[in-house]
Amino acid sequence: MNETLDALHQVLAPGGILLVGWNRGLIADPCGLPRMQALFRHQAVPPLPARKAFSDHIRHVYDLFRAV
Protein backbone atom coordinates (compact mmCIF):
# COMPACT_ATOMS: atom_id res chain seq x y z
CA MET A 1 0.00 0.00 0.00
CA ASN A 2 2.83 2.43 0.80
CA GLU A 3 4.24 2.11 -2.73
CA THR A 4 0.83 2.92 -4.19
CA LEU A 5 0.40 5.97 -1.96
CA ASP A 6 3.92 7.16 -2.85
CA ALA A 7 3.16 6.84 -6.58
CA LEU A 8 -0.16 8.69 -6.25
CA HIS A 9 1.52 11.45 -4.29
CA GLN A 10 4.24 11.75 -6.92
CA VAL A 11 1.80 12.35 -9.78
CA LEU A 12 -0.46 14.78 -7.87
CA ALA A 13 0.50 18.43 -7.60
CA PRO A 14 0.58 19.88 -4.07
CA GLY A 15 -3.04 20.40 -3.12
CA GLY A 16 -4.17 17.85 -5.71
CA ILE A 17 -7.27 15.85 -4.85
CA LEU A 18 -7.35 12.10 -4.29
CA LEU A 19 -10.70 10.28 -4.09
CA VAL A 20 -10.54 6.87 -2.41
CA GLY A 21 -13.43 4.43 -2.49
CA TRP A 22 -13.26 1.50 -0.11
CA ASN A 23 -15.44 -1.05 1.69
CA ARG A 24 -15.80 -1.13 5.47
CA GLY A 25 -15.07 -4.55 6.89
CA LEU A 26 -12.88 -5.56 3.95
CA ILE A 27 -9.90 -3.24 4.39
CA ALA A 28 -8.60 -0.87 7.04
CA ASP A 29 -9.82 2.71 7.08
CA PRO A 30 -7.32 4.58 4.85
CA CYS A 31 -7.45 7.59 7.20
CA GLY A 32 -5.59 5.53 9.79
CA LEU A 33 -2.68 4.56 7.55
CA PRO A 34 0.53 6.30 8.65
CA ARG A 35 1.74 6.79 5.06
CA MET A 36 -1.62 8.32 4.07
CA GLN A 37 -1.38 10.72 7.02
CA ALA A 38 2.16 11.71 5.99
CA LEU A 39 1.33 12.43 2.34
CA PHE A 40 -2.30 13.56 2.33
CA ARG A 41 -4.78 15.53 4.44
CA HIS A 42 -8.32 14.20 4.84
CA GLN A 43 -10.54 17.17 4.10
CA ALA A 44 -13.71 18.33 2.44
CA VAL A 45 -13.68 19.79 -1.04
CA PRO A 46 -16.79 22.01 -0.99
CA PRO A 47 -19.51 21.20 -1.66
CA LEU A 48 -18.33 17.62 -1.06
CA PRO A 49 -17.70 16.30 2.46
CA ALA A 50 -14.38 14.72 3.44
CA ARG A 51 -16.21 11.41 3.88
CA LYS A 52 -19.39 10.06 2.34
CA ALA A 53 -20.68 6.90 3.97
CA PHE A 54 -24.00 5.30 3.25
CA SER A 55 -26.43 3.32 5.39
CA ASP A 56 -25.19 0.52 7.63
CA HIS A 57 -26.00 -2.21 5.11
CA ILE A 58 -23.98 -0.48 2.35
CA ARG A 59 -20.31 -0.85 3.20
CA HIS A 60 -18.88 1.44 0.53
CA VAL A 61 -17.27 4.71 1.70
CA TYR A 62 -15.70 7.57 -0.24
CA ASP A 63 -12.93 9.72 1.27
CA LEU A 64 -11.37 12.89 -0.15
CA PHE A 65 -7.75 13.79 0.48
CA ARG A 66 -5.44 16.63 -0.56
CA ALA A 67 -1.78 16.06 -1.33
CA VAL A 68 0.64 17.95 0.92
PDB file of N, CA and C in Angstrom:
ATOM      1  N   MET A   1       0.820  -1.194   0.000  1.00  0.00           N
ATOM      2  CA  MET A   1       0.000   0.000   0.000  1.00  0.00           C
ATOM      3  C   MET A   1       0.864   1.257   0.000  1.00  0.00           C
ATOM      4  N   ASN A   2       1.974   1.245   0.736  1.00  0.00           N
ATOM      5  CA  ASN A   2       2.832   2.431   0.797  1.00  0.00           C
ATOM      6  C   ASN A   2       3.364   2.813  -0.574  1.00  0.00           C
ATOM      7  N   GLU A   3       3.738   1.817  -1.388  1.00  0.00           N
ATOM      8  CA  GLU A   3       4.241   2.110  -2.734  1.00  0.00           C
ATOM      9  C   GLU A   3       3.163   2.772  -3.581  1.00  0.00           C
ATOM     10  N   THR A   4       1.938   2.320  -3.445  1.00  0.00           N
ATOM     11  CA  THR A   4       0.826   2.918  -4.190  1.00  0.00           C
ATOM     12  C   THR A   4       0.605   4.356  -3.760  1.00  0.00           C
ATOM     13  N   LEU A   5       0.595   4.602  -2.463  1.00  0.00           N
ATOM     14  CA  LEU A   5       0.404   5.967  -1.962  1.00  0.00           C
ATOM     15  C   LEU A   5       1.543   6.879  -2.402  1.00  0.00           C
ATOM     16  N   ASP A   6       2.773   6.370  -2.387  1.00  0.00           N
ATOM     17  CA  ASP A   6       3.917   7.162  -2.851  1.00  0.00           C
ATOM     18  C   ASP A   6       3.758   7.534  -4.323  1.00  0.00           C
ATOM     19  N   ALA A   7       3.333   6.576  -5.152  1.00  0.00           N
ATOM     20  CA  ALA A   7       3.160   6.837  -6.583  1.00  0.00           C
ATOM     21  C   ALA A   7       2.046   7.851  -6.824  1.00  0.00           C
ATOM     22  N   LEU A   8       0.941   7.723  -6.108  1.00  0.00           N
ATOM     23  CA  LEU A   8      -0.157   8.686  -6.250  1.00  0.00           C
ATOM     24  C   LEU A   8       0.293  10.080  -5.842  1.00  0.00           C
ATOM     25  N   HIS A   9       1.029  10.163  -4.761  1.00  0.00           N
ATOM     26  CA  HIS A   9       1.517  11.453  -4.288  1.00  0.00           C
ATOM     27  C   HIS A   9       2.474  12.082  -5.298  1.00  0.00           C
ATOM     28  N   GLN A  10       3.264  11.256  -5.946  1.00  0.00           N
ATOM     29  CA  GLN A  10       4.244  11.750  -6.916  1.00  0.00           C
ATOM     30  C   GLN A  10       3.571  12.373  -8.137  1.00  0.00           C
ATOM     31  N   VAL A  11       2.440  11.831  -8.576  1.00  0.00           N
ATOM     32  CA  VAL A  11       1.795  12.355  -9.783  1.00  0.00           C
ATOM     33  C   VAL A  11       0.821  13.494  -9.495  1.00  0.00           C
ATOM     34  N   LEU A  12       0.440  13.677  -8.231  1.00  0.00           N
ATOM     35  CA  LEU A  12      -0.457  14.780  -7.873  1.00  0.00           C
ATOM     36  C   LEU A  12       0.351  16.027  -7.520  1.00  0.00           C
ATOM     37  N   ALA A  13      -0.111  17.158  -7.997  1.00  0.00           N
ATOM     38  CA  ALA A  13       0.500  18.428  -7.598  1.00  0.00           C
ATOM     39  C   ALA A  13       0.162  18.689  -6.133  1.00  0.00           C
ATOM     40  N   PRO A  14       0.957  19.499  -5.432  1.00  0.00           N
ATOM     41  CA  PRO A  14       0.583  19.876  -4.068  1.00  0.00           C
ATOM     42  C   PRO A  14      -0.834  20.460  -4.059  1.00  0.00           C
ATOM     43  N   GLY A  15      -1.649  19.978  -3.174  1.00  0.00           N
ATOM     44  CA  GLY A  15      -3.042  20.403  -3.120  1.00  0.00           C
ATOM     45  C   GLY A  15      -3.953  19.606  -4.033  1.00  0.00           C
ATOM     46  N   GLY A  16      -3.364  18.685  -4.819  1.00  0.00           N
ATOM     47  CA  GLY A  16      -4.165  17.845  -5.709  1.00  0.00           C
ATOM     48  C   GLY A  16      -5.105  16.954  -4.916  1.00  0.00           C
ATOM     49  N   ILE A  17      -6.210  16.594  -5.526  1.00  0.00           N
ATOM     50  CA  ILE A  17      -7.267  15.848  -4.846  1.00  0.00           C
ATOM     51  C   ILE A  17      -7.188  14.365  -5.185  1.00  0.00           C
ATOM     52  N   LEU A  18      -7.309  13.551  -4.154  1.00  0.00           N
ATOM     53  CA  LEU A  18      -7.353  12.097  -4.292  1.00  0.00           C
ATOM     54  C   LEU A  18      -8.684  11.617  -3.729  1.00  0.00           C
ATOM     55  N   LEU A  19      -9.438  10.886  -4.526  1.00  0.00           N
ATOM     56  CA  LEU A  19     -10.695  10.280  -4.088  1.00  0.00           C
ATOM     57  C   LEU A  19     -10.448   8.789  -3.909  1.00  0.00           C
ATOM     58  N   VAL A  20     -10.733   8.288  -2.714  1.00  0.00           N
ATOM     59  CA  VAL A  20     -10.536   6.873  -2.407  1.00  0.00           C
ATOM     60  C   VAL A  20     -11.889   6.263  -2.077  1.00  0.00           C
ATOM     61  N   GLY A  21     -12.234   5.212  -2.791  1.00  0.00           N
ATOM     62  CA  GLY A  21     -13.430   4.433  -2.492  1.00  0.00           C
ATOM     63  C   GLY A  21     -13.011   3.109  -1.878  1.00  0.00           C
ATOM     64  N   TRP A  22     -13.643   2.731  -0.799  1.00  0.00           N
ATOM     65  CA  TRP A  22     -13.258   1.502  -0.113  1.00  0.00           C
ATOM     66  C   TRP A  22     -14.463   0.911   0.603  1.00  0.00           C
ATOM     67  N   ASN A  23     -14.342  -0.345   1.027  1.00  0.00           N
ATOM     68  CA  ASN A  23     -15.437  -1.046   1.689  1.00  0.00           C
ATOM     69  C   ASN A  23     -15.107  -1.339   3.144  1.00  0.00           C
ATOM     70  N   ARG A  24     -15.945  -0.824   4.042  1.00  0.00           N
ATOM     71  CA  ARG A  24     -15.801  -1.125   5.472  1.00  0.00           C
ATOM     72  C   ARG A  24     -15.888  -2.633   5.685  1.00  0.00           C
ATOM     73  N   GLY A  25     -15.057  -3.128   6.578  1.00  0.00           N
ATOM     74  CA  GLY A  25     -15.072  -4.548   6.885  1.00  0.00           C
ATOM     75  C   GLY A  25     -14.196  -5.386   5.978  1.00  0.00           C
ATOM     76  N   LEU A  26     -13.753  -4.824   4.864  1.00  0.00           N
ATOM     77  CA  LEU A  26     -12.879  -5.565   3.954  1.00  0.00           C
ATOM     78  C   LEU A  26     -11.437  -5.091   4.027  1.00  0.00           C
ATOM     79  N   ILE A  27     -11.248  -3.795   4.252  1.00  0.00           N
ATOM     80  CA  ILE A  27      -9.900  -3.236   4.393  1.00  0.00           C
ATOM     81  C   ILE A  27      -9.911  -2.233   5.544  1.00  0.00           C
ATOM     82  N   ALA A  28      -8.725  -1.867   5.972  1.00  0.00           N
ATOM     83  CA  ALA A  28      -8.601  -0.872   7.045  1.00  0.00           C
ATOM     84  C   ALA A  28      -8.994   0.508   6.526  1.00  0.00           C
ATOM     85  N   ASP A  29      -9.482   1.330   7.412  1.00  0.00           N
ATOM     86  CA  ASP A  29      -9.820   2.713   7.079  1.00  0.00           C
ATOM     87  C   ASP A  29      -8.547   3.419   6.606  1.00  0.00           C
ATOM     88  N   PRO A  30      -8.526   3.935   5.367  1.00  0.00           N
ATOM     89  CA  PRO A  30      -7.317   4.580   4.854  1.00  0.00           C
ATOM     90  C   PRO A  30      -6.890   5.805   5.661  1.00  0.00           C
ATOM     91  N   CYS A  31      -7.804   6.428   6.380  1.00  0.00           N
ATOM     92  CA  CYS A  31      -7.446   7.593   7.199  1.00  0.00           C
ATOM     93  C   CYS A  31      -6.480   7.224   8.318  1.00  0.00           C
ATOM     94  N   GLY A  32      -6.460   5.969   8.712  1.00  0.00           N
ATOM     95  CA  GLY A  32      -5.594   5.533   9.792  1.00  0.00           C
ATOM     96  C   GLY A  32      -4.226   5.046   9.347  1.00  0.00           C
ATOM     97  N   LEU A  33      -3.976   5.030   8.045  1.00  0.00           N
ATOM     98  CA  LEU A  33      -2.681   4.556   7.548  1.00  0.00           C
ATOM     99  C   LEU A  33      -1.611   5.629   7.753  1.00  0.00           C
ATOM    100  N   PRO A  34      -0.512   5.300   8.411  1.00  0.00           N
ATOM    101  CA  PRO A  34       0.533   6.299   8.652  1.00  0.00           C
ATOM    102  C   PRO A  34       1.051   6.963   7.376  1.00  0.00           C
ATOM    103  N   ARG A  35       1.216   6.195   6.304  1.00  0.00           N
ATOM    104  CA  ARG A  35       1.736   6.792   5.062  1.00  0.00           C
ATOM    105  C   ARG A  35       0.711   7.759   4.467  1.00  0.00           C
ATOM    106  N   MET A  36      -0.567   7.421   4.557  1.00  0.00           N
ATOM    107  CA  MET A  36      -1.620   8.322   4.069  1.00  0.00           C
ATOM    108  C   MET A  36      -1.575   9.622   4.856  1.00  0.00           C
ATOM    109  N   GLN A  37      -1.426   9.525   6.170  1.00  0.00           N
ATOM    110  CA  GLN A  37      -1.376  10.715   7.021  1.00  0.00           C
ATOM    111  C   GLN A  37      -0.159  11.576   6.721  1.00  0.00           C
ATOM    112  N   ALA A  38       0.935  10.958   6.297  1.00  0.00           N
ATOM    113  CA  ALA A  38       2.155  11.710   5.990  1.00  0.00           C
ATOM    114  C   ALA A  38       2.069  12.450   4.658  1.00  0.00           C
ATOM    115  N   LEU A  39       1.335  11.885   3.702  1.00  0.00           N
ATOM    116  CA  LEU A  39       1.330  12.434   2.341  1.00  0.00           C
ATOM    117  C   LEU A  39       0.080  13.223   1.981  1.00  0.00           C
ATOM    118  N   PHE A  40      -1.008  12.973   2.690  1.00  0.00           N
ATOM    119  CA  PHE A  40      -2.300  13.559   2.327  1.00  0.00           C
ATOM    120  C   PHE A  40      -3.028  14.063   3.567  1.00  0.00           C
ATOM    121  N   ARG A  41      -3.906  15.025   3.377  1.00  0.00           N
ATOM    122  CA  ARG A  41      -4.780  15.526   4.443  1.00  0.00           C
ATOM    123  C   ARG A  41      -6.220  15.170   4.092  1.00  0.00           C
ATOM    124  N   HIS A  42      -6.910  14.545   5.022  1.00  0.00           N
ATOM    125  CA  HIS A  42      -8.322  14.197   4.841  1.00  0.00           C
ATOM    126  C   HIS A  42      -9.131  15.469   5.025  1.00  0.00           C
ATOM    127  N   GLN A  43      -9.776  15.929   3.973  1.00  0.00           N
ATOM    128  CA  GLN A  43     -10.537  17.171   4.098  1.00  0.00           C
ATOM    129  C   GLN A  43     -11.615  17.274   3.037  1.00  0.00           C
ATOM    130  N   ALA A  44     -12.612  18.073   3.362  1.00  0.00           N
ATOM    131  CA  ALA A  44     -13.712  18.329   2.437  1.00  0.00           C
ATOM    132  C   ALA A  44     -13.217  19.153   1.256  1.00  0.00           C
ATOM    133  N   VAL A  45     -13.905  18.974   0.148  1.00  0.00           N
ATOM    134  CA  VAL A  45     -13.684  19.794  -1.044  1.00  0.00           C
ATOM    135  C   VAL A  45     -15.069  20.335  -1.399  1.00  0.00           C
ATOM    136  N   PRO A  46     -15.427  21.502  -0.836  1.00  0.00           N
ATOM    137  CA  PRO A  46     -16.789  22.014  -0.987  1.00  0.00           C
ATOM    138  C   PRO A  46     -17.254  21.992  -2.444  1.00  0.00           C
ATOM    139  N   PRO A  47     -18.467  21.524  -2.635  1.00  0.00           N
ATOM    140  CA  PRO A  47     -19.509  21.199  -1.659  1.00  0.00           C
ATOM    141  C   PRO A  47     -19.464  19.754  -1.165  1.00  0.00           C
ATOM    142  N   LEU A  48     -18.410  19.022  -1.461  1.00  0.00           N
ATOM    143  CA  LEU A  48     -18.332  17.617  -1.062  1.00  0.00           C
ATOM    144  C   LEU A  48     -17.729  17.468   0.336  1.00  0.00           C
ATOM    145  N   PRO A  49     -18.262  16.538   1.129  1.00  0.00           N
ATOM    146  CA  PRO A  49     -17.697  16.302   2.463  1.00  0.00           C
ATOM    147  C   PRO A  49     -16.398  15.502   2.363  1.00  0.00           C
ATOM    148  N   ALA A  50     -15.609  15.510   3.412  1.00  0.00           N
ATOM    149  CA  ALA A  50     -14.376  14.717   3.444  1.00  0.00           C
ATOM    150  C   ALA A  50     -14.686  13.226   3.354  1.00  0.00           C
ATOM    151  N   ARG A  51     -15.811  12.822   3.919  1.00  0.00           N
ATOM    152  CA  ARG A  51     -16.215  11.411   3.879  1.00  0.00           C
ATOM    153  C   ARG A  51     -17.689  11.304   3.554  1.00  0.00           C
ATOM    154  N   LYS A  52     -17.997  10.381   2.647  1.00  0.00           N
ATOM    155  CA  LYS A  52     -19.389  10.062   2.336  1.00  0.00           C
ATOM    156  C   LYS A  52     -19.586   8.577   2.595  1.00  0.00           C
ATOM    157  N   ALA A  53     -20.327   8.277   3.647  1.00  0.00           N
ATOM    158  CA  ALA A  53     -20.683   6.901   3.971  1.00  0.00           C
ATOM    159  C   ALA A  53     -22.183   6.757   3.763  1.00  0.00           C
ATOM    160  N   PHE A  54     -22.596   5.562   3.516  1.00  0.00           N
ATOM    161  CA  PHE A  54     -24.001   5.301   3.249  1.00  0.00           C
ATOM    162  C   PHE A  54     -24.616   4.571   4.443  1.00  0.00           C
ATOM    163  N   SER A  55     -25.766   4.004   4.277  1.00  0.00           N
ATOM    164  CA  SER A  55     -26.430   3.325   5.391  1.00  0.00           C
ATOM    165  C   SER A  55     -25.606   2.129   5.866  1.00  0.00           C
ATOM    166  N   ASP A  56     -25.959   1.604   7.016  1.00  0.00           N
ATOM    167  CA  ASP A  56     -25.195   0.520   7.632  1.00  0.00           C
ATOM    168  C   ASP A  56     -25.066  -0.714   6.742  1.00  0.00           C
ATOM    169  N   HIS A  57     -26.064  -0.999   5.933  1.00  0.00           N
ATOM    170  CA  HIS A  57     -25.998  -2.209   5.111  1.00  0.00           C
ATOM    171  C   HIS A  57     -25.215  -2.002   3.810  1.00  0.00           C
ATOM    172  N   ILE A  58     -24.840  -0.770   3.501  1.00  0.00           N
ATOM    173  CA  ILE A  58     -23.976  -0.484   2.348  1.00  0.00           C
ATOM    174  C   ILE A  58     -22.598  -0.153   2.896  1.00  0.00           C
ATOM    175  N   ARG A  59     -21.628  -0.984   2.590  1.00  0.00           N
ATOM    176  CA  ARG A  59     -20.308  -0.850   3.198  1.00  0.00           C
ATOM    177  C   ARG A  59     -19.392   0.130   2.475  1.00  0.00           C
ATOM    178  N   HIS A  60     -19.791   0.599   1.299  1.00  0.00           N
ATOM    179  CA  HIS A  60     -18.880   1.443   0.530  1.00  0.00           C
ATOM    180  C   HIS A  60     -18.796   2.853   1.124  1.00  0.00           C
ATOM    181  N   VAL A  61     -17.571   3.381   1.153  1.00  0.00           N
ATOM    182  CA  VAL A  61     -17.274   4.707   1.699  1.00  0.00           C
ATOM    183  C   VAL A  61     -16.386   5.429   0.702  1.00  0.00           C
ATOM    184  N   TYR A  62     -16.592   6.734   0.561  1.00  0.00           N
ATOM    185  CA  TYR A  62     -15.703   7.574  -0.237  1.00  0.00           C
ATOM    186  C   TYR A  62     -15.014   8.571   0.687  1.00  0.00           C
ATOM    187  N   ASP A  63     -13.704   8.736   0.506  1.00  0.00           N
ATOM    188  CA  ASP A  63     -12.930   9.718   1.265  1.00  0.00           C
ATOM    189  C   ASP A  63     -12.173  10.617   0.303  1.00  0.00           C
ATOM    190  N   LEU A  64     -12.142  11.911   0.622  1.00  0.00           N
ATOM    191  CA  LEU A  64     -11.372  12.886  -0.151  1.00  0.00           C
ATOM    192  C   LEU A  64     -10.128  13.288   0.627  1.00  0.00           C
ATOM    193  N   PHE A  65      -9.028  13.392  -0.102  1.00  0.00           N
ATOM    194  CA  PHE A  65      -7.747  13.787   0.481  1.00  0.00           C
ATOM    195  C   PHE A  65      -7.097  14.834  -0.413  1.00  0.00           C
ATOM    196  N   ARG A  66      -6.272  15.680   0.186  1.00  0.00           N
ATOM    197  CA  ARG A  66      -5.436  16.633  -0.563  1.00  0.00           C
ATOM    198  C   ARG A  66      -3.979  16.283  -0.338  1.00  0.00           C
ATOM    199  N   ALA A  67      -3.214  16.317  -1.423  1.00  0.00           N
ATOM    200  CA  ALA A  67      -1.778  16.057  -1.331  1.00  0.00           C
ATOM    201  C   ALA A  67      -1.096  17.214  -0.616  1.00  0.00           C
ATOM    202  N   VAL A  68      -0.126  16.900   0.235  1.00  0.00           N
ATOM    203  CA  VAL A  68       0.644  17.946   0.918  1.00  0.00           C
ATOM    204  C   VAL A  68       2.004  18.093   0.264  1.00  0.00           C
TER     205      VAL A  68
END
